[in-house]
PDB file of N, CA and C in Angstrom:
ATOM      1  N   MET A   1       6.304 -15.199  -6.813  1.00  0.00           N
ATOM      2  CA  MET A   1       6.294 -13.883  -6.243  1.00  0.00           C
ATOM      3  C   MET A   1       6.622 -12.888  -7.229  1.00  0.00           C
ATOM      4  N   GLY A   2       7.633 -13.003  -8.033  1.00  0.00           N
ATOM      5  CA  GLY A   2       7.953 -12.141  -9.190  1.00  0.00           C
ATOM      6  C   GLY A   2       9.235 -11.400  -8.988  1.00  0.00           C
ATOM      7  N   ARG A   3       9.266 -10.100  -9.075  1.00  0.00           N
ATOM      8  CA  ARG A   3      10.337  -9.275  -9.108  1.00  0.00           C
ATOM      9  C   ARG A   3      11.096  -9.204  -7.860  1.00  0.00           C
ATOM     10  N   GLN A   4      12.301  -8.842  -7.842  1.00  0.00           N
ATOM     11  CA  GLN A   4      13.191  -8.883  -6.496  1.00  0.00           C
ATOM     12  C   GLN A   4      13.191  -7.197  -6.164  1.00  0.00           C
ATOM     13  N   VAL A   5      12.922  -7.117  -4.712  1.00  0.00           N
ATOM     14  CA  VAL A   5      13.134  -5.691  -4.123  1.00  0.00           C
ATOM     15  C   VAL A   5      14.547  -5.468  -3.930  1.00  0.00           C
ATOM     16  N   THR A   6      14.937  -4.205  -4.555  1.00  0.00           N
ATOM     17  CA  THR A   6      16.301  -3.933  -4.478  1.00  0.00           C
ATOM     18  C   THR A   6      16.520  -2.812  -3.320  1.00  0.00           C
ATOM     19  N   ALA A   7      17.715  -2.755  -2.810  1.00  0.00           N
ATOM     20  CA  ALA A   7      17.977  -1.822  -1.759  1.00  0.00           C
ATOM     21  C   ALA A   7      17.731  -0.242  -2.353  1.00  0.00           C
ATOM     22  N   ALA A   8      17.778   0.053  -3.654  1.00  0.00           N
ATOM     23  CA  ALA A   8      17.648   1.306  -4.155  1.00  0.00           C
ATOM     24  C   ALA A   8      16.051   1.811  -4.136  1.00  0.00           C
ATOM     25  N   GLU A   9      15.334   0.903  -3.758  1.00  0.00           N
ATOM     26  CA  GLU A   9      13.720   1.119  -3.837  1.00  0.00           C
ATOM     27  C   GLU A   9      13.314   1.691  -2.443  1.00  0.00           C
ATOM     28  N   ARG A  10      12.141   2.336  -2.448  1.00  0.00           N
ATOM     29  CA  ARG A  10      11.623   2.780  -1.158  1.00  0.00           C
ATOM     30  C   ARG A  10      10.775   1.785  -0.678  1.00  0.00           C
ATOM     31  N   ARG A  11      10.715   1.589   0.660  1.00  0.00           N
ATOM     32  CA  ARG A  11       9.863   0.377   1.132  1.00  0.00           C
ATOM     33  C   ARG A  11       9.213   1.034   2.403  1.00  0.00           C
ATOM     34  N   VAL A  12       7.837   0.912   2.272  1.00  0.00           N
ATOM     35  CA  VAL A  12       6.963   1.605   3.224  1.00  0.00           C
ATOM     36  C   VAL A  12       6.008   0.466   3.781  1.00  0.00           C
ATOM     37  N   ARG A  13       5.575   0.839   4.928  1.00  0.00           N
ATOM     38  CA  ARG A  13       4.403   0.306   5.798  1.00  0.00           C
ATOM     39  C   ARG A  13       3.618   1.461   6.044  1.00  0.00           C
ATOM     40  N   VAL A  14       2.273   1.286   5.518  1.00  0.00           N
ATOM     41  CA  VAL A  14       1.175   2.289   5.726  1.00  0.00           C
ATOM     42  C   VAL A  14      -0.108   1.832   6.569  1.00  0.00           C
ATOM     43  N   VAL A  15      -0.477   2.808   7.408  1.00  0.00           N
ATOM     44  CA  VAL A  15      -1.782   2.489   7.974  1.00  0.00           C
ATOM     45  C   VAL A  15      -2.648   3.698   7.631  1.00  0.00           C
ATOM     46  N   VAL A  16      -3.752   3.280   6.931  1.00  0.00           N
ATOM     47  CA  VAL A  16      -4.712   4.484   6.469  1.00  0.00           C
ATOM     48  C   VAL A  16      -5.970   4.446   7.524  1.00  0.00           C
ATOM     49  N   ARG A  17      -6.263   5.572   7.995  1.00  0.00           N
ATOM     50  CA  ARG A  17      -7.386   5.696   8.942  1.00  0.00           C
ATOM     51  C   ARG A  17      -8.409   6.542   8.243  1.00  0.00           C
ATOM     52  N   GLY A  18      -9.659   6.507   8.562  1.00  0.00           N
ATOM     53  CA  GLY A  18     -10.796   7.175   8.320  1.00  0.00           C
ATOM     54  C   GLY A  18     -11.905   6.162   7.944  1.00  0.00           C
ATOM     55  N   ARG A  19     -12.638   6.548   7.040  1.00  0.00           N
ATOM     56  CA  ARG A  19     -13.797   5.541   6.700  1.00  0.00           C
ATOM     57  C   ARG A  19     -13.299   4.715   5.307  1.00  0.00           C
ATOM     58  N   VAL A  20     -12.463   3.638   5.641  1.00  0.00           N
ATOM     59  CA  VAL A  20     -11.530   3.041   4.601  1.00  0.00           C
ATOM     60  C   VAL A  20     -12.042   1.630   4.433  1.00  0.00           C
ATOM     61  N   GLN A  21     -12.954   1.111   5.145  1.00  0.00           N
ATOM     62  CA  GLN A  21     -13.326  -0.308   4.937  1.00  0.00           C
ATOM     63  C   GLN A  21     -14.807  -0.180   4.479  1.00  0.00           C
ATOM     64  N   GLY A  22     -15.147  -1.112   3.393  1.00  0.00           N
ATOM     65  CA  GLY A  22     -16.568  -1.390   2.917  1.00  0.00           C
ATOM     66  C   GLY A  22     -16.732  -0.164   1.834  1.00  0.00           C
ATOM     67  N   VAL A  23     -15.762   0.351   1.269  1.00  0.00           N
ATOM     68  CA  VAL A  23     -15.916   1.358   0.454  1.00  0.00           C
ATOM     69  C   VAL A  23     -14.871   1.199  -0.987  1.00  0.00           C
ATOM     70  N   GLY A  24     -14.325  -0.018  -0.958  1.00  0.00           N
ATOM     71  CA  GLY A  24     -13.537  -0.402  -2.211  1.00  0.00           C
ATOM     72  C   GLY A  24     -12.110   0.164  -2.053  1.00  0.00           C
ATOM     73  N   PHE A  25     -11.725   0.324  -0.821  1.00  0.00           N
ATOM     74  CA  PHE A  25     -10.284   0.974  -0.530  1.00  0.00           C
ATOM     75  C   PHE A  25      -9.260  -0.020  -1.030  1.00  0.00           C
ATOM     76  N   ARG A  26      -9.328  -1.263  -0.439  1.00  0.00           N
ATOM     77  CA  ARG A  26      -8.400  -2.275  -0.675  1.00  0.00           C
ATOM     78  C   ARG A  26      -8.269  -2.453  -2.273  1.00  0.00           C
ATOM     79  N   TRP A  27      -9.248  -2.418  -2.992  1.00  0.00           N
ATOM     80  CA  TRP A  27      -9.073  -2.464  -4.541  1.00  0.00           C
ATOM     81  C   TRP A  27      -8.630  -1.406  -5.150  1.00  0.00           C
ATOM     82  N   PHE A  28      -8.891  -0.187  -4.566  1.00  0.00           N
ATOM     83  CA  PHE A  28      -8.354   1.008  -5.182  1.00  0.00           C
ATOM     84  C   PHE A  28      -6.860   0.984  -4.916  1.00  0.00           C
ATOM     85  N   ALA A  29      -6.430   0.730  -3.670  1.00  0.00           N
ATOM     86  CA  ALA A  29      -4.873   0.754  -3.407  1.00  0.00           C
ATOM     87  C   ALA A  29      -4.319  -0.262  -4.226  1.00  0.00           C
ATOM     88  N   ALA A  30      -4.692  -1.407  -4.339  1.00  0.00           N
ATOM     89  CA  ALA A  30      -4.100  -2.583  -5.093  1.00  0.00           C
ATOM     90  C   ALA A  30      -4.018  -2.176  -6.607  1.00  0.00           C
ATOM     91  N   GLN A  31      -5.064  -1.518  -7.111  1.00  0.00           N
ATOM     92  CA  GLN A  31      -5.103  -1.122  -8.489  1.00  0.00           C
ATOM     93  C   GLN A  31      -3.973   0.152  -8.761  1.00  0.00           C
ATOM     94  N   SER A  32      -4.022   0.993  -7.891  1.00  0.00           N
ATOM     95  CA  SER A  32      -3.089   2.038  -7.860  1.00  0.00           C
ATOM     96  C   SER A  32      -1.601   1.583  -7.918  1.00  0.00           C
ATOM     97  N   ALA A  33      -1.391   0.649  -7.074  1.00  0.00           N
ATOM     98  CA  ALA A  33      -0.034   0.086  -6.913  1.00  0.00           C
ATOM     99  C   ALA A  33       0.334  -0.737  -8.141  1.00  0.00           C
ATOM    100  N   ARG A  34      -0.444  -1.470  -8.559  1.00  0.00           N
ATOM    101  CA  ARG A  34      -0.253  -2.208  -9.784  1.00  0.00           C
ATOM    102  C   ARG A  34       0.087  -1.335 -11.068  1.00  0.00           C
ATOM    103  N   ASP A  35      -0.617  -0.237 -11.186  1.00  0.00           N
ATOM    104  CA  ASP A  35      -0.535   0.751 -12.256  1.00  0.00           C
ATOM    105  C   ASP A  35       0.891   1.565 -12.280  1.00  0.00           C
ATOM    106  N   LEU A  36       1.411   1.496 -10.962  1.00  0.00           N
ATOM    107  CA  LEU A  36       2.629   2.171 -10.706  1.00  0.00           C
ATOM    108  C   LEU A  36       3.826   1.100 -10.593  1.00  0.00           C
ATOM    109  N   GLY A  37       3.613  -0.231 -10.927  1.00  0.00           N
ATOM    110  CA  GLY A  37       4.528  -1.368 -10.808  1.00  0.00           C
ATOM    111  C   GLY A  37       5.168  -1.629  -9.420  1.00  0.00           C
ATOM    112  N   LEU A  38       4.444  -1.371  -8.366  1.00  0.00           N
ATOM    113  CA  LEU A  38       4.919  -1.695  -6.926  1.00  0.00           C
ATOM    114  C   LEU A  38       4.696  -3.084  -6.564  1.00  0.00           C
ATOM    115  N   SER A  39       5.365  -3.619  -5.714  1.00  0.00           N
ATOM    116  CA  SER A  39       5.222  -4.834  -5.000  1.00  0.00           C
ATOM    117  C   SER A  39       4.494  -4.588  -3.666  1.00  0.00           C
ATOM    118  N   GLY A  40       3.785  -5.573  -3.382  1.00  0.00           N
ATOM    119  CA  GLY A  40       3.239  -5.336  -1.860  1.00  0.00           C
ATOM    120  C   GLY A  40       1.961  -6.075  -1.653  1.00  0.00           C
ATOM    121  N   TRP A  41       1.239  -5.591  -0.717  1.00  0.00           N
ATOM    122  CA  TRP A  41      -0.006  -5.989  -0.435  1.00  0.00           C
ATOM    123  C   TRP A  41      -0.613  -5.018   0.406  1.00  0.00           C
ATOM    124  N   VAL A  42      -2.083  -5.190   0.727  1.00  0.00           N
ATOM    125  CA  VAL A  42      -3.052  -4.286   1.393  1.00  0.00           C
ATOM    126  C   VAL A  42      -4.023  -5.281   1.952  1.00  0.00           C
ATOM    127  N   ARG A  43      -4.460  -4.726   3.184  1.00  0.00           N
ATOM    128  CA  ARG A  43      -5.433  -5.673   3.944  1.00  0.00           C
ATOM    129  C   ARG A  43      -6.101  -4.868   4.844  1.00  0.00           C
ATOM    130  N   ASN A  44      -7.324  -5.273   5.290  1.00  0.00           N
ATOM    131  CA  ASN A  44      -8.168  -4.584   6.487  1.00  0.00           C
ATOM    132  C   ASN A  44      -7.702  -4.992   7.647  1.00  0.00           C
ATOM    133  N   ALA A  45      -7.534  -3.968   8.723  1.00  0.00           N
ATOM    134  CA  ALA A  45      -7.205  -4.305   9.993  1.00  0.00           C
ATOM    135  C   ALA A  45      -8.379  -4.446  10.834  1.00  0.00           C
ATOM    136  N   PRO A  46      -8.144  -5.183  11.905  1.00  0.00           N
ATOM    137  CA  PRO A  46      -9.337  -5.359  12.989  1.00  0.00           C
ATOM    138  C   PRO A  46      -9.873  -4.038  13.511  1.00  0.00           C
ATOM    139  N   ASP A  47      -8.919  -2.965  13.539  1.00  0.00           N
ATOM    140  CA  ASP A  47      -9.319  -1.788  14.167  1.00  0.00           C
ATOM    141  C   ASP A  47     -10.196  -0.653  13.280  1.00  0.00           C
ATOM    142  N   GLY A  48     -10.411  -1.282  11.959  1.00  0.00           N
ATOM    143  CA  GLY A  48     -11.160  -0.370  11.109  1.00  0.00           C
ATOM    144  C   GLY A  48     -10.331   0.264  10.055  1.00  0.00           C
ATOM    145  N   SER A  49      -9.029   0.075  10.301  1.00  0.00           N
ATOM    146  CA  SER A  49      -8.036   0.865   9.473  1.00  0.00           C
ATOM    147  C   SER A  49      -7.676  -0.087   8.259  1.00  0.00           C
ATOM    148  N   VAL A  50      -6.957   0.403   7.262  1.00  0.00           N
ATOM    149  CA  VAL A  50      -6.318  -0.464   6.190  1.00  0.00           C
ATOM    150  C   VAL A  50      -4.763  -0.241   6.402  1.00  0.00           C
ATOM    151  N   GLU A  51      -4.241  -1.543   6.193  1.00  0.00           N
ATOM    152  CA  GLU A  51      -2.799  -1.640   6.250  1.00  0.00           C
ATOM    153  C   GLU A  51      -2.317  -1.984   4.956  1.00  0.00           C
ATOM    154  N   ALA A  52      -1.054  -1.406   4.627  1.00  0.00           N
ATOM    155  CA  ALA A  52      -0.381  -1.788   3.273  1.00  0.00           C
ATOM    156  C   ALA A  52       0.959  -1.804   3.552  1.00  0.00           C
ATOM    157  N   ALA A  53       1.663  -2.565   2.717  1.00  0.00           N
ATOM    158  CA  ALA A  53       3.250  -2.488   2.654  1.00  0.00           C
ATOM    159  C   ALA A  53       3.567  -2.619   1.136  1.00  0.00           C
ATOM    160  N   ALA A  54       4.478  -1.757   0.769  1.00  0.00           N
ATOM    161  CA  ALA A  54       4.824  -1.641  -0.592  1.00  0.00           C
ATOM    162  C   ALA A  54       6.418  -1.278  -0.803  1.00  0.00           C
ATOM    163  N   ALA A  55       6.868  -1.615  -2.046  1.00  0.00           N
ATOM    164  CA  ALA A  55       8.243  -1.281  -2.383  1.00  0.00           C
ATOM    165  C   ALA A  55       8.152  -0.970  -3.863  1.00  0.00           C
ATOM    166  N   GLY A  56       8.979  -0.085  -4.159  1.00  0.00           N
ATOM    167  CA  GLY A  56       9.204   0.473  -5.602  1.00  0.00           C
ATOM    168  C   GLY A  56       9.966   1.739  -5.657  1.00  0.00           C
ATOM    169  N   PRO A  57      10.101   2.190  -6.696  1.00  0.00           N
ATOM    170  CA  PRO A  57      11.000   3.442  -6.965  1.00  0.00           C
ATOM    171  C   PRO A  57      10.305   4.535  -6.184  1.00  0.00           C
ATOM    172  N   ALA A  58      11.060   5.420  -5.813  1.00  0.00           N
ATOM    173  CA  ALA A  58      10.626   6.696  -5.047  1.00  0.00           C
ATOM    174  C   ALA A  58       9.663   7.551  -5.652  1.00  0.00           C
ATOM    175  N   ASP A  59       9.686   7.675  -6.858  1.00  0.00           N
ATOM    176  CA  ASP A  59       8.825   8.508  -7.620  1.00  0.00           C
ATOM    177  C   ASP A  59       7.288   7.702  -7.690  1.00  0.00           C
ATOM    178  N   ALA A  60       7.419   6.513  -7.977  1.00  0.00           N
ATOM    179  CA  ALA A  60       6.150   5.702  -7.928  1.00  0.00           C
ATOM    180  C   ALA A  60       5.460   5.626  -6.471  1.00  0.00           C
ATOM    181  N   MET A  61       6.275   5.371  -5.595  1.00  0.00           N
ATOM    182  CA  MET A  61       5.939   5.504  -4.166  1.00  0.00           C
ATOM    183  C   MET A  61       5.248   6.884  -3.724  1.00  0.00           C
ATOM    184  N   ALA A  62       5.808   7.832  -4.028  1.00  0.00           N
ATOM    185  CA  ALA A  62       5.197   9.248  -3.869  1.00  0.00           C
ATOM    186  C   ALA A  62       3.911   9.111  -4.311  1.00  0.00           C
ATOM    187  N   LYS A  63       3.767   8.847  -5.654  1.00  0.00           N
ATOM    188  CA  LYS A  63       2.268   8.762  -6.267  1.00  0.00           C
ATOM    189  C   LYS A  63       1.312   7.826  -5.499  1.00  0.00           C
ATOM    190  N   PHE A  64       1.858   6.663  -5.234  1.00  0.00           N
ATOM    191  CA  PHE A  64       1.048   5.654  -4.409  1.00  0.00           C
ATOM    192  C   PHE A  64       0.550   6.264  -3.095  1.00  0.00           C
ATOM    193  N   LEU A  65       1.438   7.049  -2.416  1.00  0.00           N
ATOM    194  CA  LEU A  65       1.115   7.491  -1.111  1.00  0.00           C
ATOM    195  C   LEU A  65       0.019   8.783  -1.293  1.00  0.00           C
ATOM    196  N   ALA A  66       0.164   9.502  -2.334  1.00  0.00           N
ATOM    197  CA  ALA A  66      -0.763  10.481  -2.705  1.00  0.00           C
ATOM    198  C   ALA A  66      -2.155   9.953  -3.040  1.00  0.00           C
ATOM    199  N   ALA A  67      -2.187   8.893  -3.688  1.00  0.00           N
ATOM    200  CA  ALA A  67      -3.270   8.098  -4.084  1.00  0.00           C
ATOM    201  C   ALA A  67      -4.088   7.611  -2.747  1.00  0.00           C
ATOM    202  N   LEU A  68      -3.186   6.899  -1.760  1.00  0.00           N
ATOM    203  CA  LEU A  68      -3.868   6.540  -0.635  1.00  0.00           C
ATOM    204  C   LEU A  68      -4.504   7.636   0.118  1.00  0.00           C
ATOM    205  N   GLN A  69      -3.840   8.901   0.098  1.00  0.00           N
ATOM    206  CA  GLN A  69      -4.249  10.099   1.010  1.00  0.00           C
ATOM    207  C   GLN A  69      -5.529  10.446   0.277  1.00  0.00           C
ATOM    208  N   GLN A  70      -5.700  10.318  -1.005  1.00  0.00           N
ATOM    209  CA  GLN A  70      -7.080  10.840  -1.581  1.00  0.00           C
ATOM    210  C   GLN A  70      -8.026   9.790  -1.365  1.00  0.00           C
ATOM    211  N   GLY A  71      -7.742   8.495  -1.595  1.00  0.00           N
ATOM    212  CA  GLY A  71      -8.685   7.496  -1.496  1.00  0.00           C
ATOM    213  C   GLY A  71      -9.773   7.326  -2.641  1.00  0.00           C
ATOM    214  N   PRO A  72     -10.558   6.327  -2.596  1.00  0.00           N
ATOM    215  CA  PRO A  72     -11.663   6.155  -3.449  1.00  0.00           C
ATOM    216  C   PRO A  72     -12.906   7.258  -3.345  1.00  0.00           C
ATOM    217  N   GLY A  73     -13.668   7.255  -4.202  1.00  0.00           N
ATOM    218  CA  GLY A  73     -14.669   8.191  -4.172  1.00  0.00           C
ATOM    219  C   GLY A  73     -15.569   8.050  -2.882  1.00  0.00           C
ATOM    220  N   HIS A  74     -15.898   6.949  -2.626  1.00  0.00           N
ATOM    221  CA  HIS A  74     -16.795   6.628  -1.385  1.00  0.00           C
ATOM    222  C   HIS A  74     -16.349   6.736   0.029  1.00  0.00           C
ATOM    223  N   GLY A  75     -14.817   6.630   0.072  1.00  0.00           N
ATOM    224  CA  GLY A  75     -14.169   6.722   1.331  1.00  0.00           C
ATOM    225  C   GLY A  75     -13.815   7.920   1.678  1.00  0.00           C
ATOM    226  N   TYR A  76     -13.232   8.061   2.917  1.00  0.00           N
ATOM    227  CA  TYR A  76     -12.704   9.312   3.504  1.00  0.00           C
ATOM    228  C   TYR A  76     -11.456   8.851   4.336  1.00  0.00           C
ATOM    229  N   VAL A  77     -10.463   9.553   3.988  1.00  0.00           N
ATOM    230  CA  VAL A  77      -9.151   9.248   4.636  1.00  0.00           C
ATOM    231  C   VAL A  77      -8.784  10.427   5.607  1.00  0.00           C
ATOM    232  N   SER A  78      -8.739  10.028   6.853  1.00  0.00           N
ATOM    233  CA  SER A  78      -8.498  11.160   7.979  1.00  0.00           C
ATOM    234  C   SER A  78      -6.826  11.206   8.140  1.00  0.00           C
ATOM    235  N   GLY A  79      -6.119  10.262   7.726  1.00  0.00           N
ATOM    236  CA  GLY A  79      -4.767  10.302   7.972  1.00  0.00           C
ATOM    237  C   GLY A  79      -3.970   8.943   7.648  1.00  0.00           C
ATOM    238  N   LEU A  80      -2.648   9.161   7.324  1.00  0.00           N
ATOM    239  CA  LEU A  80      -1.896   8.209   6.873  1.00  0.00           C
ATOM    240  C   LEU A  80      -0.718   8.107   7.930  1.00  0.00           C
ATOM    241  N   GLU A  81      -0.380   6.915   8.231  1.00  0.00           N
ATOM    242  CA  GLU A  81       0.887   6.636   9.105  1.00  0.00           C
ATOM    243  C   GLU A  81       1.834   5.939   8.192  1.00  0.00           C
ATOM    244  N   VAL A  82       2.858   6.478   7.844  1.00  0.00           N
ATOM    245  CA  VAL A  82       3.974   5.965   6.940  1.00  0.00           C
ATOM    246  C   VAL A  82       5.273   5.530   7.775  1.00  0.00           C
ATOM    247  N   GLY A  83       5.592   4.334   7.653  1.00  0.00           N
ATOM    248  CA  GLY A  83       6.892   3.998   8.297  1.00  0.00           C
ATOM    249  C   GLY A  83       7.792   3.254   7.444  1.00  0.00           C
ATOM    250  N   ALA A  84       9.051   2.880   7.876  1.00  0.00           N
ATOM    251  CA  ALA A  84       9.861   2.146   6.907  1.00  0.00           C
ATOM    252  C   ALA A  84       9.491   0.736   7.079  1.00  0.00           C
ATOM    253  N   LEU A  85       9.884  -0.119   6.122  1.00  0.00           N
ATOM    254  CA  LEU A  85       9.618  -1.488   5.946  1.00  0.00           C
ATOM    255  C   LEU A  85      10.927  -2.210   6.084  1.00  0.00           C
ATOM    256  N   GLY A  86      11.155  -2.998   6.964  1.00  0.00           N
ATOM    257  CA  GLY A  86      12.442  -3.496   7.169  1.00  0.00           C
ATOM    258  C   GLY A  86      12.922  -4.458   6.049  1.00  0.00           C
ATOM    259  N   ASP A  87      14.078  -4.966   5.944  1.00  0.00           N
ATOM    260  CA  ASP A  87      14.722  -5.841   4.958  1.00  0.00           C
ATOM    261  C   ASP A  87      13.901  -7.181   4.988  1.00  0.00           C
ATOM    262  N   ASP A  88      13.937  -7.705   6.200  1.00  0.00           N
ATOM    263  CA  ASP A  88      13.189  -8.953   6.494  1.00  0.00           C
ATOM    264  C   ASP A  88      11.619  -8.846   6.056  1.00  0.00           C
ATOM    265  N   GLU A  89      11.199  -7.792   6.266  1.00  0.00           N
ATOM    266  CA  GLU A  89       9.666  -7.753   5.781  1.00  0.00           C
ATOM    267  C   GLU A  89       9.474  -7.661   4.288  1.00  0.00           C
ATOM    268  N   ALA A  90      10.468  -7.167   3.646  1.00  0.00           N
ATOM    269  CA  ALA A  90      10.545  -7.001   2.138  1.00  0.00           C
ATOM    270  C   ALA A  90      10.348  -8.201   1.373  1.00  0.00           C
ATOM    271  N   SER A  91      10.829  -9.191   2.075  1.00  0.00           N
ATOM    272  CA  SER A  91      10.846 -10.475   1.414  1.00  0.00           C
ATOM    273  C   SER A  91       9.404 -11.046   1.135  1.00  0.00           C
ATOM    274  N   SER A  92       8.358 -10.442   1.991  1.00  0.00           N
ATOM    275  CA  SER A  92       6.949 -11.039   1.961  1.00  0.00           C
ATOM    276  C   SER A  92       6.158 -10.094   0.829  1.00  0.00           C
ATOM    277  N   LEU A  93       6.716  -9.262   0.277  1.00  0.00           N
ATOM    278  CA  LEU A  93       5.894  -8.517  -0.699  1.00  0.00           C
ATOM    279  C   LEU A  93       5.697  -9.271  -2.088  1.00  0.00           C
ATOM    280  N   HIS A  94       4.538  -9.164  -2.582  1.00  0.00           N
ATOM    281  CA  HIS A  94       4.130  -9.866  -3.754  1.00  0.00           C
ATOM    282  C   HIS A  94       4.080  -9.021  -5.088  1.00  0.00           C
ATOM    283  N   PHE A  95       4.349  -9.563  -6.121  1.00  0.00           N
ATOM    284  CA  PHE A  95       4.333  -8.839  -7.336  1.00  0.00           C
ATOM    285  C   PHE A  95       3.483  -9.748  -8.268  1.00  0.00           C
ATOM    286  N   PRO A  96       2.568  -9.327  -8.892  1.00  0.00           N
ATOM    287  CA  PRO A  96       1.873  -8.041  -8.664  1.00  0.00           C
ATOM    288  C   PRO A  96       1.197  -7.796  -7.217  1.00  0.00           C
ATOM    289  N   PHE A  97       1.165  -6.532  -7.012  1.00  0.00           N
ATOM    290  CA  PHE A  97       0.650  -6.109  -5.675  1.00  0.00           C
ATOM    291  C   PHE A  97      -0.625  -6.884  -5.408  1.00  0.00           C
ATOM    292  N   GLU A  98      -0.946  -7.345  -4.258  1.00  0.00           N
ATOM    293  CA  GLU A  98      -2.128  -8.101  -3.982  1.00  0.00           C
ATOM    294  C   GLU A  98      -3.075  -7.592  -2.822  1.00  0.00           C
ATOM    295  N   ILE A  99      -4.162  -7.956  -2.690  1.00  0.00           N
ATOM    296  CA  ILE A  99      -4.998  -7.934  -1.629  1.00  0.00           C
ATOM    297  C   ILE A  99      -5.041  -9.191  -0.770  1.00  0.00           C
ATOM    298  N   ALA A 100      -4.446  -8.884   0.456  1.00  0.00           N
ATOM    299  CA  ALA A 100      -4.282  -9.807   1.436  1.00  0.00           C
ATOM    300  C   ALA A 100      -5.623 -10.050   2.238  1.00  0.00           C
ATOM    301  N   ARG A 101      -5.959 -11.185   2.687  1.00  0.00           N
ATOM    302  CA  ARG A 101      -6.982 -11.384   3.463  1.00  0.00           C
ATOM    303  C   ARG A 101      -6.629 -11.824   4.945  1.00  0.00           C
TER     304      ARG A 101
END
């Protein structure tokens, strides 16, 4: 799994809504997170949204959330739901950031 998630890091669970499946969104999210050094995963949800969980420094997390709001060129993001990720969930985060199936 890689690096340890520390208490000083920001941990979030994100649901991205809009036209986010079938447009390369998971690849875009994973690449953005890897470039920022974040731990976590991204996956398609059955309702057509994309879910992600991530952990990392607050400044990198802010950049990641801004990237998710923008999305890839072929997608359209209508909204982000951002919530806290619990300590028990943080242990399931992967480094490097991965696309979950």
